PDB file of N, CA and C in Angstrom:
ATOM      1  N   MET A   1     102.850-125.526  13.095  1.00  0.00           N
ATOM      2  CA  MET A   1     103.022-126.475  14.182  1.00  0.00           C
ATOM      3  C   MET A   1     101.899-126.053  14.743  1.00  0.00           C
ATOM      4  N   SER A   2     100.928-127.038  15.149  1.00  0.00           N
ATOM      5  CA  SER A   2      99.599-126.642  15.655  1.00  0.00           C
ATOM      6  C   SER A   2      99.958-126.762  17.369  1.00  0.00           C
ATOM      7  N   MET A   3      98.960-126.554  17.990  1.00  0.00           N
ATOM      8  CA  MET A   3      98.826-126.645  19.500  1.00  0.00           C
ATOM      9  C   MET A   3      99.162-127.877  19.912  1.00  0.00           C
ATOM     10  N   LEU A   4      98.407-128.816  19.410  1.00  0.00           N
ATOM     11  CA  LEU A   4      98.370-130.216  19.648  1.00  0.00           C
ATOM     12  C   LEU A   4      99.692-130.953  19.480  1.00  0.00           C
ATOM     13  N   ASP A   5     100.546-130.309  18.954  1.00  0.00           N
ATOM     14  CA  ASP A   5     101.900-130.791  18.505  1.00  0.00           C
ATOM     15  C   ASP A   5     102.830-131.087  19.768  1.00  0.00           C
ATOM     16  N   HIS A   6     102.535-129.933  20.892  1.00  0.00           N
ATOM     17  CA  HIS A   6     103.181-129.853  22.137  1.00  0.00           C
ATOM     18  C   HIS A   6     102.550-130.902  22.950  1.00  0.00           C
ATOM     19  N   TYR A   7     101.722-131.961  22.703  1.00  0.00           N
ATOM     20  CA  TYR A   7     101.211-132.938  23.709  1.00  0.00           C
ATOM     21  C   TYR A   7     101.250-134.036  23.314  1.00  0.00           C
ATOM     22  N   LEU A   8     101.028-135.175  24.113  1.00  0.00           N
ATOM     23  CA  LEU A   8     101.118-136.697  23.774  1.00  0.00           C
ATOM     24  C   LEU A   8     100.122-137.075  24.536  1.00  0.00           C
ATOM     25  N   ASP A   9      99.234-138.263  23.912  1.00  0.00           N
ATOM     26  CA  ASP A   9      98.375-138.782  24.722  1.00  0.00           C
ATOM     27  C   ASP A   9      98.822-139.862  25.480  1.00  0.00           C
ATOM     28  N   ALA A  10      97.859-140.659  26.131  1.00  0.00           N
ATOM     29  CA  ALA A  10      98.245-141.431  27.110  1.00  0.00           C
ATOM     30  C   ALA A  10      98.832-142.514  26.621  1.00  0.00           C
ATOM     31  N   VAL A  11      98.554-143.245  25.456  1.00  0.00           N
ATOM     32  CA  VAL A  11      99.331-144.145  24.579  1.00  0.00           C
ATOM     33  C   VAL A  11     100.734-143.945  24.211  1.00  0.00           C
ATOM     34  N   GLU A  12     100.873-142.819  23.776  1.00  0.00           N
ATOM     35  CA  GLU A  12     102.245-142.126  23.323  1.00  0.00           C
ATOM     36  C   GLU A  12     103.014-141.739  24.851  1.00  0.00           C
ATOM     37  N   ALA A  13     102.287-141.314  25.759  1.00  0.00           N
ATOM     38  CA  ALA A  13     103.223-141.252  26.901  1.00  0.00           C
ATOM     39  C   ALA A  13     103.811-142.630  27.481  1.00  0.00           C
ATOM     40  N   ALA A  14     102.861-143.565  27.622  1.00  0.00           N
ATOM     41  CA  ALA A  14     103.050-144.748  28.012  1.00  0.00           C
ATOM     42  C   ALA A  14     104.207-145.405  27.292  1.00  0.00           C
ATOM     43  N   ARG A  15     104.423-145.328  25.971  1.00  0.00           N
ATOM     44  CA  ARG A  15     105.405-145.729  25.208  1.00  0.00           C
ATOM     45  C   ARG A  15     106.581-145.115  25.654  1.00  0.00           C
ATOM     46  N   ARG A  16     106.751-143.754  25.941  1.00  0.00           N
ATOM     47  CA  ARG A  16     107.906-143.063  26.240  1.00  0.00           C
ATOM     48  C   ARG A  16     108.354-143.554  27.843  1.00  0.00           C
ATOM     49  N   LEU A  17     107.325-143.885  28.628  1.00  0.00           N
ATOM     50  CA  LEU A  17     107.565-144.247  30.083  1.00  0.00           C
ATOM     51  C   LEU A  17     107.846-145.843  30.035  1.00  0.00           C
ATOM     52  N   ARG A  18     107.724-146.464  29.178  1.00  0.00           N
ATOM     53  CA  ARG A  18     107.828-148.001  29.064  1.00  0.00           C
ATOM     54  C   ARG A  18     106.670-148.568  30.068  1.00  0.00           C
ATOM     55  N   THR A  19     105.430-148.103  29.973  1.00  0.00           N
ATOM     56  CA  THR A  19     104.594-148.681  30.870  1.00  0.00           C
ATOM     57  C   THR A  19     103.348-148.777  30.176  1.00  0.00           C
ATOM     58  N   HIS A  20     102.210-149.228  30.776  1.00  0.00           N
ATOM     59  CA  HIS A  20     101.053-149.348  30.068  1.00  0.00           C
ATOM     60  C   HIS A  20     100.216-148.312  30.110  1.00  0.00           C
ATOM     61  N   PRO A  21      99.233-147.776  29.043  1.00  0.00           N
ATOM     62  CA  PRO A  21      98.326-146.631  29.001  1.00  0.00           C
ATOM     63  C   PRO A  21      97.524-146.370  30.307  1.00  0.00           C
ATOM     64  N   GLU A  22      96.950-147.461  30.848  1.00  0.00           N
ATOM     65  CA  GLU A  22      96.188-147.671  31.817  1.00  0.00           C
ATOM     66  C   GLU A  22      97.061-147.031  33.227  1.00  0.00           C
ATOM     67  N   THR A  23      98.416-147.398  33.386  1.00  0.00           N
ATOM     68  CA  THR A  23      99.245-146.689  34.299  1.00  0.00           C
ATOM     69  C   THR A  23      99.093-145.419  34.142  1.00  0.00           C
ATOM     70  N   VAL A  24      99.327-144.641  32.956  1.00  0.00           N
ATOM     71  CA  VAL A  24      99.482-143.235  32.862  1.00  0.00           C
ATOM     72  C   VAL A  24      98.342-142.435  33.389  1.00  0.00           C
ATOM     73  N   LYS A  25      97.077-143.153  32.976  1.00  0.00           N
ATOM     74  CA  LYS A  25      95.690-142.517  33.221  1.00  0.00           C
ATOM     75  C   LYS A  25      95.489-142.656  34.699  1.00  0.00           C
ATOM     76  N   ARG A  26      96.267-143.802  35.279  1.00  0.00           N
ATOM     77  CA  ARG A  26      96.113-143.855  36.832  1.00  0.00           C
ATOM     78  C   ARG A  26      96.784-142.720  37.714  1.00  0.00           C
ATOM     79  N   LEU A  27      98.155-142.405  37.066  1.00  0.00           N
ATOM     80  CA  LEU A  27      99.085-141.355  37.523  1.00  0.00           C
ATOM     81  C   LEU A  27      98.316-140.043  37.319  1.00  0.00           C
ATOM     82  N   ILE A  28      97.483-139.692  36.045  1.00  0.00           N
ATOM     83  CA  ILE A  28      96.887-138.659  35.947  1.00  0.00           C
ATOM     84  C   ILE A  28      96.060-138.461  37.108  1.00  0.00           C
ATOM     85  N   ARG A  29      94.899-139.505  37.264  1.00  0.00           N
ATOM     86  CA  ARG A  29      93.670-139.278  38.286  1.00  0.00           C
ATOM     87  C   ARG A  29      94.165-139.145  39.399  1.00  0.00           C
ATOM     88  N   MET A  30      95.370-139.871  39.468  1.00  0.00           N
ATOM     89  CA  MET A  30      95.919-139.675  41.012  1.00  0.00           C
ATOM     90  C   MET A  30      96.569-138.286  41.355  1.00  0.00           C
ATOM     91  N   GLY A  31      96.727-137.427  40.260  1.00  0.00           N
ATOM     92  CA  GLY A  31      97.372-136.042  40.484  1.00  0.00           C
ATOM     93  C   GLY A  31      98.733-136.074  40.211  1.00  0.00           C
ATOM     94  N   LYS A  32      99.434-137.089  40.101  1.00  0.00           N
ATOM     95  CA  LYS A  32     100.796-137.100  39.918  1.00  0.00           C
ATOM     96  C   LYS A  32     101.362-136.952  38.424  1.00  0.00           C
ATOM     97  N   LEU A  33     100.695-136.695  37.663  1.00  0.00           N
ATOM     98  CA  LEU A  33     101.223-136.415  36.271  1.00  0.00           C
ATOM     99  C   LEU A  33      99.991-135.571  35.616  1.00  0.00           C
ATOM    100  N   PRO A  34     100.214-134.036  35.556  1.00  0.00           N
ATOM    101  CA  PRO A  34      99.312-133.119  35.145  1.00  0.00           C
ATOM    102  C   PRO A  34      99.144-133.401  33.399  1.00  0.00           C
ATOM    103  N   ALA A  35      97.742-133.266  33.336  1.00  0.00           N
ATOM    104  CA  ALA A  35      97.302-133.329  32.069  1.00  0.00           C
ATOM    105  C   ALA A  35      96.010-132.668  31.833  1.00  0.00           C
ATOM    106  N   ILE A  36      95.339-132.623  30.656  1.00  0.00           N
ATOM    107  CA  ILE A  36      94.182-132.033  30.386  1.00  0.00           C
ATOM    108  C   ILE A  36      93.194-133.088  29.495  1.00  0.00           C
ATOM    109  N   LYS A  37      92.073-132.843  29.891  1.00  0.00           N
ATOM    110  CA  LYS A  37      91.063-133.994  29.028  1.00  0.00           C
ATOM    111  C   LYS A  37      90.842-132.875  27.761  1.00  0.00           C
ATOM    112  N   PHE A  38      91.107-133.760  26.657  1.00  0.00           N
ATOM    113  CA  PHE A  38      90.569-133.271  25.212  1.00  0.00           C
ATOM    114  C   PHE A  38      89.408-134.047  24.811  1.00  0.00           C
ATOM    115  N   GLY A  39      88.209-134.054  24.678  1.00  0.00           N
ATOM    116  CA  GLY A  39      87.226-134.777  24.111  1.00  0.00           C
ATOM    117  C   GLY A  39      87.387-136.042  25.070  1.00  0.00           C
ATOM    118  N   ASN A  40      87.858-137.317  24.533  1.00  0.00           N
ATOM    119  CA  ASN A  40      87.715-138.709  25.206  1.00  0.00           C
ATOM    120  C   ASN A  40      89.220-138.853  25.635  1.00  0.00           C
ATOM    121  N   LYS A  41      90.124-138.082  25.385  1.00  0.00           N
ATOM    122  CA  LYS A  41      91.600-138.254  25.562  1.00  0.00           C
ATOM    123  C   LYS A  41      92.132-137.396  26.551  1.00  0.00           C
ATOM    124  N   TRP A  42      93.292-137.843  27.154  1.00  0.00           N
ATOM    125  CA  TRP A  42      94.257-137.243  28.160  1.00  0.00           C
ATOM    126  C   TRP A  42      95.170-136.569  27.422  1.00  0.00           C
ATOM    127  N   LEU A  43      95.843-135.563  27.474  1.00  0.00           N
ATOM    128  CA  LEU A  43      96.824-134.937  26.929  1.00  0.00           C
ATOM    129  C   LEU A  43      97.846-134.653  27.812  1.00  0.00           C
ATOM    130  N   ILE A  44      99.026-134.942  27.663  1.00  0.00           N
ATOM    131  CA  ILE A  44     100.210-134.426  28.587  1.00  0.00           C
ATOM    132  C   ILE A  44     101.218-133.405  27.763  1.00  0.00           C
ATOM    133  N   GLU A  45     101.606-132.413  28.346  1.00  0.00           N
ATOM    134  CA  GLU A  45     102.594-131.650  27.419  1.00  0.00           C
ATOM    135  C   GLU A  45     103.635-132.505  27.430  1.00  0.00           C
ATOM    136  N   ARG A  46     104.748-132.247  26.296  1.00  0.00           N
ATOM    137  CA  ARG A  46     105.790-133.056  26.292  1.00  0.00           C
ATOM    138  C   ARG A  46     106.836-132.681  27.321  1.00  0.00           C
ATOM    139  N   HIS A  47     107.084-131.558  27.575  1.00  0.00           N
ATOM    140  CA  HIS A  47     107.919-131.048  28.476  1.00  0.00           C
ATOM    141  C   HIS A  47     107.499-131.366  29.977  1.00  0.00           C
ATOM    142  N   VAL A  48     106.489-131.628  30.247  1.00  0.00           N
ATOM    143  CA  VAL A  48     105.812-132.207  31.337  1.00  0.00           C
ATOM    144  C   VAL A  48     106.220-133.586  31.572  1.00  0.00           C
ATOM    145  N   LEU A  49     105.967-134.214  30.429  1.00  0.00           N
ATOM    146  CA  LEU A  49     106.251-135.654  30.562  1.00  0.00           C
ATOM    147  C   LEU A  49     107.843-135.845  30.738  1.00  0.00           C
ATOM    148  N   ASP A  50     108.491-134.945  30.015  1.00  0.00           N
ATOM    149  CA  ASP A  50     110.017-135.085  30.186  1.00  0.00           C
ATOM    150  C   ASP A  50     110.504-134.987  31.571  1.00  0.00           C
ATOM    151  N   GLN A  51     110.076-134.091  32.229  1.00  0.00           N
ATOM    152  CA  GLN A  51     110.427-133.758  33.578  1.00  0.00           C
ATOM    153  C   GLN A  51     109.835-134.793  34.420  1.00  0.00           C
ATOM    154  N   PHE A  52     108.872-135.495  34.218  1.00  0.00           N
ATOM    155  CA  PHE A  52     108.177-136.423  35.113  1.00  0.00           C
ATOM    156  C   PHE A  52     108.998-137.771  34.902  1.00  0.00           C
ATOM    157  N   ALA A  53     109.459-138.191  33.732  1.00  0.00           N
ATOM    158  CA  ALA A  53     109.955-139.286  33.193  1.00  0.00           C
ATOM    159  C   ALA A  53     111.374-139.289  33.930  1.00  0.00           C
ATOM    160  N   ALA A  54     112.159-137.946  34.175  1.00  0.00           N
ATOM    161  CA  ALA A  54     113.305-137.951  34.722  1.00  0.00           C
ATOM    162  C   ALA A  54     113.451-138.537  36.192  1.00  0.00           C
ATOM    163  N   THR A  55     112.217-138.662  36.859  1.00  0.00           N
ATOM    164  CA  THR A  55     112.099-139.237  38.248  1.00  0.00           C
ATOM    165  C   THR A  55     111.116-140.285  38.480  1.00  0.00           C
ATOM    166  N   TYR A  56     110.596-140.836  37.120  1.00  0.00           N
ATOM    167  CA  TYR A  56     109.749-141.767  37.216  1.00  0.00           C
ATOM    168  C   TYR A  56     110.337-143.167  37.619  1.00  0.00           C
ATOM    169  N   ILE A  57     109.819-143.794  38.610  1.00  0.00           N
ATOM    170  CA  ILE A  57     110.233-145.325  38.774  1.00  0.00           C
ATOM    171  C   ILE A  57     109.078-146.080  38.932  1.00  0.00           C
ATOM    172  N   PRO A  58     109.075-147.225  37.693  1.00  0.00           N
ATOM    173  CA  PRO A  58     108.081-147.844  37.769  1.00  0.00           C
ATOM    174  C   PRO A  58     107.870-148.671  38.890  1.00  0.00           C
ATOM    175  N   GLY A  59     106.103-149.295  39.244  1.00  0.00           N
ATOM    176  CA  GLY A  59     106.200-149.955  40.377  1.00  0.00           C
ATOM    177  C   GLY A  59     106.496-151.576  40.180  1.00  0.00           C
ATOM    178  N   PRO A  60     106.090-152.486  41.293  1.00  0.00           N
ATOM    179  CA  PRO A  60     106.500-153.777  41.122  1.00  0.00           C
ATOM    180  C   PRO A  60     105.804-154.429  39.931  1.00  0.00           C
ATOM    181  N   GLY A  61     104.897-154.099  39.343  1.00  0.00           N
ATOM    182  CA  GLY A  61     104.465-154.608  38.006  1.00  0.00           C
ATOM    183  C   GLY A  61     105.043-154.561  36.958  1.00  0.00           C
ATOM    184  N   ALA A  62     106.110-153.719  36.932  1.00  0.00           N
ATOM    185  CA  ALA A  62     106.913-153.092  35.950  1.00  0.00           C
ATOM    186  C   ALA A  62     107.401-154.162  34.570  1.00  0.00           C
ATOM    187  N   LYS A  63     107.568-155.401  35.565  1.00  0.00           N
ATOM    188  CA  LYS A  63     108.035-156.461  34.288  1.00  0.00           C
ATOM    189  C   LYS A  63     107.047-156.776  33.409  1.00  0.00           C
ATOM    190  N   ARG A  64     105.714-156.664  33.571  1.00  0.00           N
ATOM    191  CA  ARG A  64     104.567-156.799  32.545  1.00  0.00           C
ATOM    192  C   ARG A  64     104.144-155.922  31.752  1.00  0.00           C
ATOM    193  N   ARG A  65     105.098-154.661  31.747  1.00  0.00           N
ATOM    194  CA  ARG A  65     104.627-153.538  30.939  1.00  0.00           C
ATOM    195  C   ARG A  65     104.847-153.631  29.262  1.00  0.00           C
ATOM    196  N   LEU A  66     104.157-152.836  28.885  1.00  0.00           N
ATOM    197  CA  LEU A  66     104.034-153.304  27.417  1.00  0.00           C
ATOM    198  C   LEU A  66     105.178-152.036  26.872  1.00  0.00           C
ATOM    199  N   LEU A  67     105.851-152.507  25.957  1.00  0.00           N
ATOM    200  CA  LEU A  67     106.734-151.406  25.107  1.00  0.00           C
ATOM    201  C   LEU A  67     106.387-150.854  23.764  1.00  0.00           C
TER     202      LEU A  67
END
């Protein structure tokens, strides 16, 4: 198992949160979702995303989100 198996990119994180990848990137830029930049991708630790998802409430545009 490689170190990267412990991380999700913004697209995978968005699927888990049932939101758009740009929303995930915005949450990262705002400092609400801890992540690291690896090349041109943001990577979020799986356990960090699980903790975040437990309290995440989508905003008003949630009905337009991608699944």
